[in-house]
Amino acid sequence: DIRSEESARSMANKTLEHFGSIDVLVNNAGISPFMAPM
């Protein structure tokens, strides 16, 4: 859940538990759910 600090930290911890390191983070998650003038 990209909007949750707890979820982001859980992602990092699970990655470290499984692979032992984090070398690269690609922040690709994004949304554009609608089109509208400002």
All heavy atoms as atom14 arrays in JSON, in Angstrom:
{
  "sequence": "DIRSEESARSMANKTLEHFGSIDVLVNNAGISPFMAPM",
  "atom14_mask": [
    [1, 1, 1, 1, 1, 1, 1, 1, 0, 0, 0, 0, 0, 0],
    [1, 1, 1, 1, 1, 1, 1, 1, 0, 0, 0, 0, 0, 0],
    [1, 1, 1, 1, 1, 1, 1, 1, 1, 1, 1, 0, 0, 0],
    [1, 1, 1, 1, 1, 1, 0, 0, 0, 0, 0, 0, 0, 0],
    [1, 1, 1, 1, 1, 1, 1, 1, 1, 0, 0, 0, 0, 0],
    [1, 1, 1, 1, 1, 1, 1, 1, 1, 0, 0, 0, 0, 0],
    [1, 1, 1, 1, 1, 1, 0, 0, 0, 0, 0, 0, 0, 0],
    [1, 1, 1, 1, 1, 0, 0, 0, 0, 0, 0, 0, 0, 0],
    [1, 1, 1, 1, 1, 1, 1, 1, 1, 1, 1, 0, 0, 0],
    [1, 1, 1, 1, 1, 1, 0, 0, 0, 0, 0, 0, 0, 0],
    [1, 1, 1, 1, 1, 1, 1, 1, 0, 0, 0, 0, 0, 0],
    [1, 1, 1, 1, 1, 0, 0, 0, 0, 0, 0, 0, 0, 0],
    [1, 1, 1, 1, 1, 1, 1, 1, 0, 0, 0, 0, 0, 0],
    [1, 1, 1, 1, 1, 1, 1, 1, 1, 0, 0, 0, 0, 0],
    [1, 1, 1, 1, 1, 1, 1, 0, 0, 0, 0, 0, 0, 0],
    [1, 1, 1, 1, 1, 1, 1, 1, 0, 0, 0, 0, 0, 0],
    [1, 1, 1, 1, 1, 1, 1, 1, 1, 0, 0, 0, 0, 0],
    [1, 1, 1, 1, 1, 1, 1, 1, 1, 1, 0, 0, 0, 0],
    [1, 1, 1, 1, 1, 1, 1, 1, 1, 1, 1, 0, 0, 0],
    [1, 1, 1, 1, 0, 0, 0, 0, 0, 0, 0, 0, 0, 0],
    [1, 1, 1, 1, 1, 1, 0, 0, 0, 0, 0, 0, 0, 0],
    [1, 1, 1, 1, 1, 1, 1, 1, 0, 0, 0, 0, 0, 0],
    [1, 1, 1, 1, 1, 1, 1, 1, 0, 0, 0, 0, 0, 0],
    [1, 1, 1, 1, 1, 1, 1, 0, 0, 0, 0, 0, 0, 0],
    [1, 1, 1, 1, 1, 1, 1, 1, 0, 0, 0, 0, 0, 0],
    [1, 1, 1, 1, 1, 1, 1, 0, 0, 0, 0, 0, 0, 0],
    [1, 1, 1, 1, 1, 1, 1, 1, 0, 0, 0, 0, 0, 0],
    [1, 1, 1, 1, 1, 1, 1, 1, 0, 0, 0, 0, 0, 0],
    [1, 1, 1, 1, 1, 0, 0, 0, 0, 0, 0, 0, 0, 0],
    [1, 1, 1, 1, 0, 0, 0, 0, 0, 0, 0, 0, 0, 0],
    [1, 1, 1, 1, 1, 1, 1, 1, 0, 0, 0, 0, 0, 0],
    [1, 1, 1, 1, 1, 1, 0, 0, 0, 0, 0, 0, 0, 0],
    [1, 1, 1, 1, 1, 1, 1, 0, 0, 0, 0, 0, 0, 0],
    [1, 1, 1, 1, 1, 1, 1, 1, 1, 1, 1, 0, 0, 0],
    [1, 1, 1, 1, 1, 1, 1, 1, 0, 0, 0, 0, 0, 0],
    [1, 1, 1, 1, 1, 0, 0, 0, 0, 0, 0, 0, 0, 0],
    [1, 1, 1, 1, 1, 1, 1, 0, 0, 0, 0, 0, 0, 0],
    [1, 1, 1, 1, 1, 1, 1, 1, 0, 0, 0, 0, 0, 0]
  ],
  "atom14_positions": [
    [[0.88, -1.17, 0.0], [0.0, 0.0, 0.0], [0.91, 1.21, 0.0], [1.48, 1.59, 1.04], [-0.91, -0.01, 1.23], [-1.81, 1.22, 1.31], [-1.7, 2.11, 0.43], [-2.61, 1.31, 2.26], [0.0, 0.0, 0.0], [0.0, 0.0, 0.0], [0.0, 0.0, 0.0], [0.0, 0.0, 0.0], [0.0, 0.0, 0.0], [0.0, 0.0, 0.0]],
    [[1.08, 1.81, -1.16], [2.08, 2.86, -1.36], [1.86, 4.07, -0.46], [2.78, 4.84, -0.18], [2.07, 3.3, -2.85], [3.36, 4.05, -3.21], [0.86, 4.14, -3.17], [4.54, 3.19, -3.37], [0.0, 0.0, 0.0], [0.0, 0.0, 0.0], [0.0, 0.0, 0.0], [0.0, 0.0, 0.0], [0.0, 0.0, 0.0], [0.0, 0.0, 0.0]],
    [[0.64, 4.24, 0.05], [0.33, 5.4, 0.88], [0.55, 5.15, 2.37], [0.33, 6.04, 3.2], [-1.12, 5.84, 0.65], [-1.39, 6.33, -0.76], [-2.83, 6.69, -0.98], [-3.69, 5.5, -0.97], [-5.01, 5.54, -1.11], [-5.62, 6.7, -1.26], [-5.71, 4.43, -1.1], [0.0, 0.0, 0.0], [0.0, 0.0, 0.0], [0.0, 0.0, 0.0]],
    [[1.03, 3.95, 2.71], [1.2, 3.56, 4.11], [2.67, 3.46, 4.48], [3.42, 2.69, 3.86], [0.5, 2.22, 4.37], [0.92, 1.65, 5.58], [0.0, 0.0, 0.0], [0.0, 0.0, 0.0], [0.0, 0.0, 0.0], [0.0, 0.0, 0.0], [0.0, 0.0, 0.0], [0.0, 0.0, 0.0], [0.0, 0.0, 0.0], [0.0, 0.0, 0.0]],
    [[3.09, 4.21, 5.49], [4.46, 4.11, 5.97], [4.76, 2.7, 6.47], [5.83, 2.15, 6.2], [4.69, 5.12, 7.09], [6.09, 5.08, 7.68], [6.28, 6.05, 8.84], [5.3, 6.72, 9.22], [7.42, 6.13, 9.35], [0.0, 0.0, 0.0], [0.0, 0.0, 0.0], [0.0, 0.0, 0.0], [0.0, 0.0, 0.0], [0.0, 0.0, 0.0]],
    [[3.8, 2.11, 7.19], [3.97, 0.76, 7.72], [4.16, -0.26, 6.59], [5.02, -1.14, 6.67], [2.77, 0.37, 8.57], [2.86, -1.02, 9.18], [1.64, -1.38, 10.02], [0.75, -0.52, 10.17], [1.57, -2.52, 10.51], [0.0, 0.0, 0.0], [0.0, 0.0, 0.0], [0.0, 0.0, 0.0], [0.0, 0.0, 0.0], [0.0, 0.0, 0.0]],
    [[3.37, -0.13, 5.53], [3.47, -1.04, 4.4], [4.81, -0.88, 3.67], [5.42, -1.88, 3.27], [2.31, -0.81, 3.43], [2.34, -1.74, 2.38], [0.0, 0.0, 0.0], [0.0, 0.0, 0.0], [0.0, 0.0, 0.0], [0.0, 0.0, 0.0], [0.0, 0.0, 0.0], [0.0, 0.0, 0.0], [0.0, 0.0, 0.0], [0.0, 0.0, 0.0]],
    [[5.27, 0.34, 3.52], [6.56, 0.58, 2.86], [7.7, -0.04, 3.66], [8.61, -0.66, 3.1], [6.77, 2.07, 2.68], [0.0, 0.0, 0.0], [0.0, 0.0, 0.0], [0.0, 0.0, 0.0], [0.0, 0.0, 0.0], [0.0, 0.0, 0.0], [0.0, 0.0, 0.0], [0.0, 0.0, 0.0], [0.0, 0.0, 0.0], [0.0, 0.0, 0.0]],
    [[7.64, 0.12, 4.97], [8.7, -0.46, 5.81], [8.63, -1.98, 5.82], [9.66, -2.67, 5.85], [8.59, 0.1, 7.23], [8.92, 1.59, 7.31], [9.16, 2.07, 8.72], [9.53, 3.48, 8.73], [10.76, 3.93, 8.5], [11.73, 3.06, 8.25], [11.03, 5.22, 8.54], [0.0, 0.0, 0.0], [0.0, 0.0, 0.0], [0.0, 0.0, 0.0]],
    [[7.41, -2.52, 5.78], [7.25, -3.97, 5.7], [7.85, -4.5, 4.4], [8.5, -5.55, 4.39], [5.76, -4.32, 5.78], [5.57, -5.71, 5.6], [0.0, 0.0, 0.0], [0.0, 0.0, 0.0], [0.0, 0.0, 0.0], [0.0, 0.0, 0.0], [0.0, 0.0, 0.0], [0.0, 0.0, 0.0], [0.0, 0.0, 0.0], [0.0, 0.0, 0.0]],
    [[7.65, -3.78, 3.31], [8.24, -4.18, 2.02], [9.76, -4.24, 2.12], [10.38, -5.21, 1.67], [7.84, -3.18, 0.94], [8.49, -3.41, -0.41], [8.17, -2.05, -1.59], [9.15, -0.72, -0.82], [0.0, 0.0, 0.0], [0.0, 0.0, 0.0], [0.0, 0.0, 0.0], [0.0, 0.0, 0.0], [0.0, 0.0, 0.0], [0.0, 0.0, 0.0]],
    [[10.36, -3.23, 2.72], [11.81, -3.2, 2.87], [12.29, -4.36, 3.74], [13.27, -5.05, 3.41], [12.25, -1.87, 3.47], [0.0, 0.0, 0.0], [0.0, 0.0, 0.0], [0.0, 0.0, 0.0], [0.0, 0.0, 0.0], [0.0, 0.0, 0.0], [0.0, 0.0, 0.0], [0.0, 0.0, 0.0], [0.0, 0.0, 0.0], [0.0, 0.0, 0.0]],
    [[11.6, -4.61, 4.85], [11.99, -5.68, 5.76], [11.87, -7.05, 5.11], [12.75, -7.92, 5.27], [11.16, -5.63, 7.03], [11.48, -4.42, 7.89], [12.58, -3.89, 7.82], [10.53, -3.97, 8.69], [0.0, 0.0, 0.0], [0.0, 0.0, 0.0], [0.0, 0.0, 0.0], [0.0, 0.0, 0.0], [0.0, 0.0, 0.0], [0.0, 0.0, 0.0]],
    [[10.78, -7.28, 4.37], [10.59, -8.57, 3.7], [11.66, -8.8, 2.62], [12.13, -9.91, 2.43], [9.19, -8.64, 3.08], [8.07, -8.78, 4.09], [6.7, -8.77, 3.42], [5.59, -8.91, 4.44], [4.24, -8.85, 3.8], [0.0, 0.0, 0.0], [0.0, 0.0, 0.0], [0.0, 0.0, 0.0], [0.0, 0.0, 0.0], [0.0, 0.0, 0.0]],
    [[12.03, -7.73, 1.95], [13.08, -7.82, 0.94], [14.4, -8.22, 1.57], [15.12, -9.1, 1.07], [13.24, -6.48, 0.2], [12.01, -6.14, -0.44], [14.34, -6.57, -0.85], [0.0, 0.0, 0.0], [0.0, 0.0, 0.0], [0.0, 0.0, 0.0], [0.0, 0.0, 0.0], [0.0, 0.0, 0.0], [0.0, 0.0, 0.0], [0.0, 0.0, 0.0]],
    [[14.72, -7.59, 2.7], [15.97, -7.9, 3.39], [15.97, -9.33, 3.94], [16.99, -10.03, 3.88], [16.21, -6.9, 4.52], [16.53, -5.46, 4.08], [16.53, -4.52, 5.27], [17.88, -5.42, 3.36], [0.0, 0.0, 0.0], [0.0, 0.0, 0.0], [0.0, 0.0, 0.0], [0.0, 0.0, 0.0], [0.0, 0.0, 0.0], [0.0, 0.0, 0.0]],
    [[14.83, -9.75, 4.45], [14.73, -11.12, 4.97], [14.93, -12.16, 3.87], [15.55, -13.2, 4.09], [13.35, -11.33, 5.62], [13.16, -10.57, 6.92], [11.72, -10.63, 7.42], [10.9, -11.35, 6.78], [11.41, -9.96, 8.42], [0.0, 0.0, 0.0], [0.0, 0.0, 0.0], [0.0, 0.0, 0.0], [0.0, 0.0, 0.0], [0.0, 0.0, 0.0]],
    [[14.43, -11.86, 2.68], [14.47, -12.85, 1.59], [15.78, -12.8, 0.81], [16.36, -13.84, 0.49], [13.3, -12.6, 0.64], [13.08, -13.71, -0.34], [12.37, -14.85, -0.04], [13.47, -13.85, -1.64], [12.32, -15.65, -1.08], [12.99, -15.07, -2.07], [0.0, 0.0, 0.0], [0.0, 0.0, 0.0], [0.0, 0.0, 0.0], [0.0, 0.0, 0.0]],
    [[16.25, -11.59, 0.49], [17.43, -11.46, -0.37], [18.67, -10.93, 0.36], [19.77, -11.0, -0.18], [17.12, -10.54, -1.55], [16.2, -11.15, -2.59], [15.01, -10.52, -2.93], [16.52, -12.34, -3.21], [14.17, -11.07, -3.89], [15.69, -12.9, -4.18], [14.5, -12.26, -4.51], [0.0, 0.0, 0.0], [0.0, 0.0, 0.0], [0.0, 0.0, 0.0]],
    [[18.49, -10.36, 1.56], [19.63, -9.93, 2.36], [20.17, -8.55, 2.05], [21.05, -8.06, 2.76], [0.0, 0.0, 0.0], [0.0, 0.0, 0.0], [0.0, 0.0, 0.0], [0.0, 0.0, 0.0], [0.0, 0.0, 0.0], [0.0, 0.0, 0.0], [0.0, 0.0, 0.0], [0.0, 0.0, 0.0], [0.0, 0.0, 0.0], [0.0, 0.0, 0.0]],
    [[19.66, -7.92, 1.02], [20.17, -6.59, 0.67], [19.13, -5.86, -0.18], [18.23, -6.48, -0.76], [21.48, -6.7, -0.11], [21.98, -5.42, -0.44], [0.0, 0.0, 0.0], [0.0, 0.0, 0.0], [0.0, 0.0, 0.0], [0.0, 0.0, 0.0], [0.0, 0.0, 0.0], [0.0, 0.0, 0.0], [0.0, 0.0, 0.0], [0.0, 0.0, 0.0]],
    [[19.24, -4.54, -0.22], [18.48, -3.71, -1.16], [19.48, -2.8, -1.85], [20.1, -1.96, -1.21], [17.4, -2.86, -0.45], [16.41, -3.74, 0.3], [16.67, -1.99, -1.48], [15.44, -2.95, 1.18], [0.0, 0.0, 0.0], [0.0, 0.0, 0.0], [0.0, 0.0, 0.0], [0.0, 0.0, 0.0], [0.0, 0.0, 0.0], [0.0, 0.0, 0.0]],
    [[19.65, -3.0, -3.13], [20.64, -2.23, -3.88], [20.01, -1.12, -4.71], [20.61, -0.05, -4.89], [21.44, -3.16, -4.79], [22.17, -4.23, -4.0], [23.11, -3.88, -3.27], [21.77, -5.41, -4.08], [0.0, 0.0, 0.0], [0.0, 0.0, 0.0], [0.0, 0.0, 0.0], [0.0, 0.0, 0.0], [0.0, 0.0, 0.0], [0.0, 0.0, 0.0]],
    [[18.81, -1.39, -5.23], [18.14, -0.42, -6.1], [16.65, -0.36, -5.76], [16.02, -1.4, -5.54], [18.29, -0.82, -7.6], [17.63, 0.22, -8.49], [19.74, -1.01, -7.98], [0.0, 0.0, 0.0], [0.0, 0.0, 0.0], [0.0, 0.0, 0.0], [0.0, 0.0, 0.0], [0.0, 0.0, 0.0], [0.0, 0.0, 0.0], [0.0, 0.0, 0.0]],
    [[16.12, 0.84, -5.68], [14.68, 1.05, -5.54], [14.2, 1.83, -6.74], [14.72, 2.91, -7.03], [14.36, 1.82, -4.26], [12.92, 2.36, -4.16], [11.91, 1.23, -4.04], [12.79, 3.33, -2.98], [0.0, 0.0, 0.0], [0.0, 0.0, 0.0], [0.0, 0.0, 0.0], [0.0, 0.0, 0.0], [0.0, 0.0, 0.0], [0.0, 0.0, 0.0]],
    [[13.21, 1.3, -7.43], [12.57, 2.01, -8.53], [11.17, 2.42, -8.09], [10.29, 1.58, -7.91], [12.48, 1.16, -9.81], [11.84, 1.97, -10.95], [13.86, 0.68, -10.23], [0.0, 0.0, 0.0], [0.0, 0.0, 0.0], [0.0, 0.0, 0.0], [0.0, 0.0, 0.0], [0.0, 0.0, 0.0], [0.0, 0.0, 0.0], [0.0, 0.0, 0.0]],
    [[10.99, 3.71, -7.87], [9.68, 4.24, -7.47], [8.85, 4.48, -8.73], [8.8, 5.58, -9.28], [9.86, 5.55, -6.69], [10.28, 5.31, -5.26], [9.72, 4.47, -4.57], [11.3, 6.04, -4.82], [0.0, 0.0, 0.0], [0.0, 0.0, 0.0], [0.0, 0.0, 0.0], [0.0, 0.0, 0.0], [0.0, 0.0, 0.0], [0.0, 0.0, 0.0]],
    [[8.2, 3.4, -9.16], [7.42, 3.45, -10.4], [5.93, 3.57, -10.16], [5.2, 4.06, -11.02], [7.71, 2.18, -11.23], [6.75, 2.02, -12.38], [6.73, 2.81, -13.31], [5.92, 0.98, -12.32], [0.0, 0.0, 0.0], [0.0, 0.0, 0.0], [0.0, 0.0, 0.0], [0.0, 0.0, 0.0], [0.0, 0.0, 0.0], [0.0, 0.0, 0.0]],
    [[5.44, 3.14, -9.01], [4.0, 3.14, -8.74], [3.43, 4.54, -8.91], [3.97, 5.52, -8.39], [3.72, 2.64, -7.33], [0.0, 0.0, 0.0], [0.0, 0.0, 0.0], [0.0, 0.0, 0.0], [0.0, 0.0, 0.0], [0.0, 0.0, 0.0], [0.0, 0.0, 0.0], [0.0, 0.0, 0.0], [0.0, 0.0, 0.0], [0.0, 0.0, 0.0]],
    [[2.34, 4.63, -9.66], [1.72, 5.93, -9.88], [0.32, 5.76, -10.45], [-0.01, 4.71, -11.01], [0.0, 0.0, 0.0], [0.0, 0.0, 0.0], [0.0, 0.0, 0.0], [0.0, 0.0, 0.0], [0.0, 0.0, 0.0], [0.0, 0.0, 0.0], [0.0, 0.0, 0.0], [0.0, 0.0, 0.0], [0.0, 0.0, 0.0], [0.0, 0.0, 0.0]],
    [[-0.47, 6.79, -10.3], [-1.84, 6.75, -10.82], [-2.17, 8.06, -11.54], [-1.61, 9.1, -11.26], [-2.88, 6.52, -9.7], [-2.8, 7.65, -8.64], [-2.71, 5.15, -9.07], [-3.95, 7.63, -7.64], [0.0, 0.0, 0.0], [0.0, 0.0, 0.0], [0.0, 0.0, 0.0], [0.0, 0.0, 0.0], [0.0, 0.0, 0.0], [0.0, 0.0, 0.0]],
    [[-3.1, 7.94, -12.47], [-3.72, 9.1, -13.11], [-5.17, 8.69, -13.36], [-5.57, 8.36, -14.49], [-3.02, 9.45, -14.42], [-3.59, 10.6, -15.0], [0.0, 0.0, 0.0], [0.0, 0.0, 0.0], [0.0, 0.0, 0.0], [0.0, 0.0, 0.0], [0.0, 0.0, 0.0], [0.0, 0.0, 0.0], [0.0, 0.0, 0.0], [0.0, 0.0, 0.0]],
    [[-5.98, 8.65, -12.29], [-7.28, 7.98, -12.35], [-8.39, 8.74, -13.05], [-9.47, 8.19, -13.26], [-7.62, 7.8, -10.87], [-6.94, 8.94, -10.18], [-5.66, 9.15, -10.95], [0.0, 0.0, 0.0], [0.0, 0.0, 0.0], [0.0, 0.0, 0.0], [0.0, 0.0, 0.0], [0.0, 0.0, 0.0], [0.0, 0.0, 0.0], [0.0, 0.0, 0.0]],
    [[-8.14, 9.99, -13.41], [-9.2, 10.77, -14.06], [-8.59, 11.86, -14.92], [-7.42, 12.21, -14.78], [-10.13, 11.4, -13.01], [-9.43, 12.34, -12.07], [-9.19, 13.66, -12.4], [-8.98, 11.89, -10.83], [-8.52, 14.52, -11.54], [-8.31, 12.74, -9.95], [-8.09, 14.06, -10.3], [0.0, 0.0, 0.0], [0.0, 0.0, 0.0], [0.0, 0.0, 0.0]],
    [[-9.41, 12.38, -15.83], [-9.03, 13.56, -16.6], [-10.01, 14.67, -16.28], [-11.22, 14.47, -16.31], [-9.06, 13.27, -18.1], [-7.95, 12.35, -18.57], [-7.82, 12.36, -20.37], [-7.12, 14.01, -20.65], [0.0, 0.0, 0.0], [0.0, 0.0, 0.0], [0.0, 0.0, 0.0], [0.0, 0.0, 0.0], [0.0, 0.0, 0.0], [0.0, 0.0, 0.0]],
    [[-9.48, 15.85, -15.94], [-10.33, 16.98, -15.6], [-9.5, 18.26, -15.64], [-8.32, 18.25, -15.27], [-10.93, 16.81, -14.21], [0.0, 0.0, 0.0], [0.0, 0.0, 0.0], [0.0, 0.0, 0.0], [0.0, 0.0, 0.0], [0.0, 0.0, 0.0], [0.0, 0.0, 0.0], [0.0, 0.0, 0.0], [0.0, 0.0, 0.0], [0.0, 0.0, 0.0]],
    [[-10.1, 19.36, -16.08], [-9.4, 20.64, -15.97], [-9.23, 21.0, -14.52], [-9.98, 20.53, -13.65], [-10.34, 21.62, -16.68], [-11.68, 20.99, -16.61], [-11.44, 19.51, -16.66], [0.0, 0.0, 0.0], [0.0, 0.0, 0.0], [0.0, 0.0, 0.0], [0.0, 0.0, 0.0], [0.0, 0.0, 0.0], [0.0, 0.0, 0.0], [0.0, 0.0, 0.0]],
    [[-8.26, 21.84, -14.22], [-7.96, 22.13, -12.82], [-9.12, 22.79, -12.09], [-9.29, 22.59, -10.88], [-6.7, 23.01, -12.74], [-5.43, 22.3, -13.19], [-5.04, 20.84, -12.2], [-4.22, 21.6, -10.79], [0.0, 0.0, 0.0], [0.0, 0.0, 0.0], [0.0, 0.0, 0.0], [0.0, 0.0, 0.0], [0.0, 0.0, 0.0], [0.0, 0.0, 0.0]]
  ]
}
